[in-house]
Amino acid sequence: MATQTCHDCDSAGDGNCSVCHGKRKIPAEEIPGILNAFRYESPCSACHGSGECQTCGGMGEIEVGGEGG
């Protein structure tokens, strides 16, 4: 199968989660309310703390095309 650059990554093909930018956590500045006041960081809910793009699994490429018939 052929591959193409994953455009769901933080930057196309870098393999990083587009929500946390590969940092694995959501910074306190982006968390509303009282948790922000305590500088609480939360594991990224999109990648579950892996830091990897969920579409390509951190590879930066996805397979395209199907099986020939």
Protein backbone atom coordinates (compact mmCIF):
# COMPACT_ATOMS: atom_id res chain seq x y z
CA MET A 1 0.00 0.00 0.00
CA ALA A 2 1.03 3.57 -0.61
CA THR A 3 1.44 6.11 2.17
CA GLN A 4 0.87 9.83 2.41
CA THR A 5 1.71 12.53 4.92
CA CYS A 6 -0.77 12.65 7.79
CA HIS A 7 -2.50 16.03 7.83
CA ASP A 8 -4.11 15.45 11.25
CA CYS A 9 -0.75 15.86 13.02
CA ASP A 10 0.10 19.11 14.82
CA SER A 11 2.21 20.03 11.77
CA ALA A 12 1.59 17.83 8.75
CA GLY A 13 3.69 14.69 9.11
CA ASP A 14 5.37 15.43 12.45
CA GLY A 15 3.45 12.70 14.34
CA ASN A 16 2.50 14.99 17.24
CA CYS A 17 -0.97 15.32 18.73
CA SER A 18 -2.67 18.44 17.38
CA VAL A 19 -4.35 19.19 20.73
CA CYS A 20 -1.34 19.14 23.09
CA HIS A 21 1.27 19.69 20.36
CA GLY A 22 3.11 16.54 21.42
CA LYS A 23 3.63 17.76 25.01
CA ARG A 24 1.36 15.06 26.48
CA LYS A 25 -0.42 17.50 28.81
CA ILE A 26 -2.81 20.41 28.52
CA PRO A 27 -1.21 23.51 30.09
CA ALA A 28 -2.97 25.18 33.00
CA GLU A 29 -3.62 28.31 30.92
CA GLU A 30 -5.97 26.28 28.72
CA ILE A 31 -7.93 24.78 31.64
CA PRO A 32 -10.75 27.00 32.89
CA GLY A 33 -11.66 27.72 36.47
CA ILE A 34 -10.09 26.85 39.78
CA LEU A 35 -7.69 24.25 38.40
CA ASN A 36 -5.99 27.00 36.39
CA ALA A 37 -5.40 28.98 39.61
CA PHE A 38 -3.41 26.07 41.02
CA ARG A 39 -1.40 25.68 37.79
CA TYR A 40 -2.86 22.20 37.34
CA GLU A 41 -1.82 20.36 34.18
CA SER A 42 -4.04 17.64 32.84
CA PRO A 43 -3.05 14.70 30.64
CA CYS A 44 -4.26 15.37 27.10
CA SER A 45 -7.67 13.80 26.58
CA ALA A 46 -7.18 13.52 22.81
CA CYS A 47 -4.01 11.40 22.88
CA HIS A 48 -4.43 10.05 26.45
CA GLY A 49 -1.06 11.49 27.38
CA SER A 50 0.96 9.81 24.62
CA GLY A 51 1.70 13.01 22.70
CA GLU A 52 1.13 11.14 19.44
CA CYS A 53 -1.30 11.96 16.64
CA GLN A 54 -4.23 9.58 16.97
CA THR A 55 -4.73 9.25 13.22
CA CYS A 56 -1.25 8.01 12.34
CA GLY A 57 -0.13 6.76 15.76
CA GLY A 58 2.84 9.14 15.76
CA MET A 59 4.25 7.83 12.48
CA GLY A 60 3.50 10.98 10.46
CA GLU A 61 2.18 8.92 7.56
CA ILE A 62 -1.04 7.05 6.83
CA GLU A 63 -1.73 4.27 4.38
CA VAL A 64 -3.93 5.14 1.43
CA GLY A 65 -5.67 3.09 -1.19
CA GLY A 66 -7.32 -0.24 -0.88
CA GLU A 67 -6.72 -3.76 -1.94
CA GLY A 68 -6.85 -4.42 -5.63
CA GLY A 69 -9.84 -6.30 -6.86
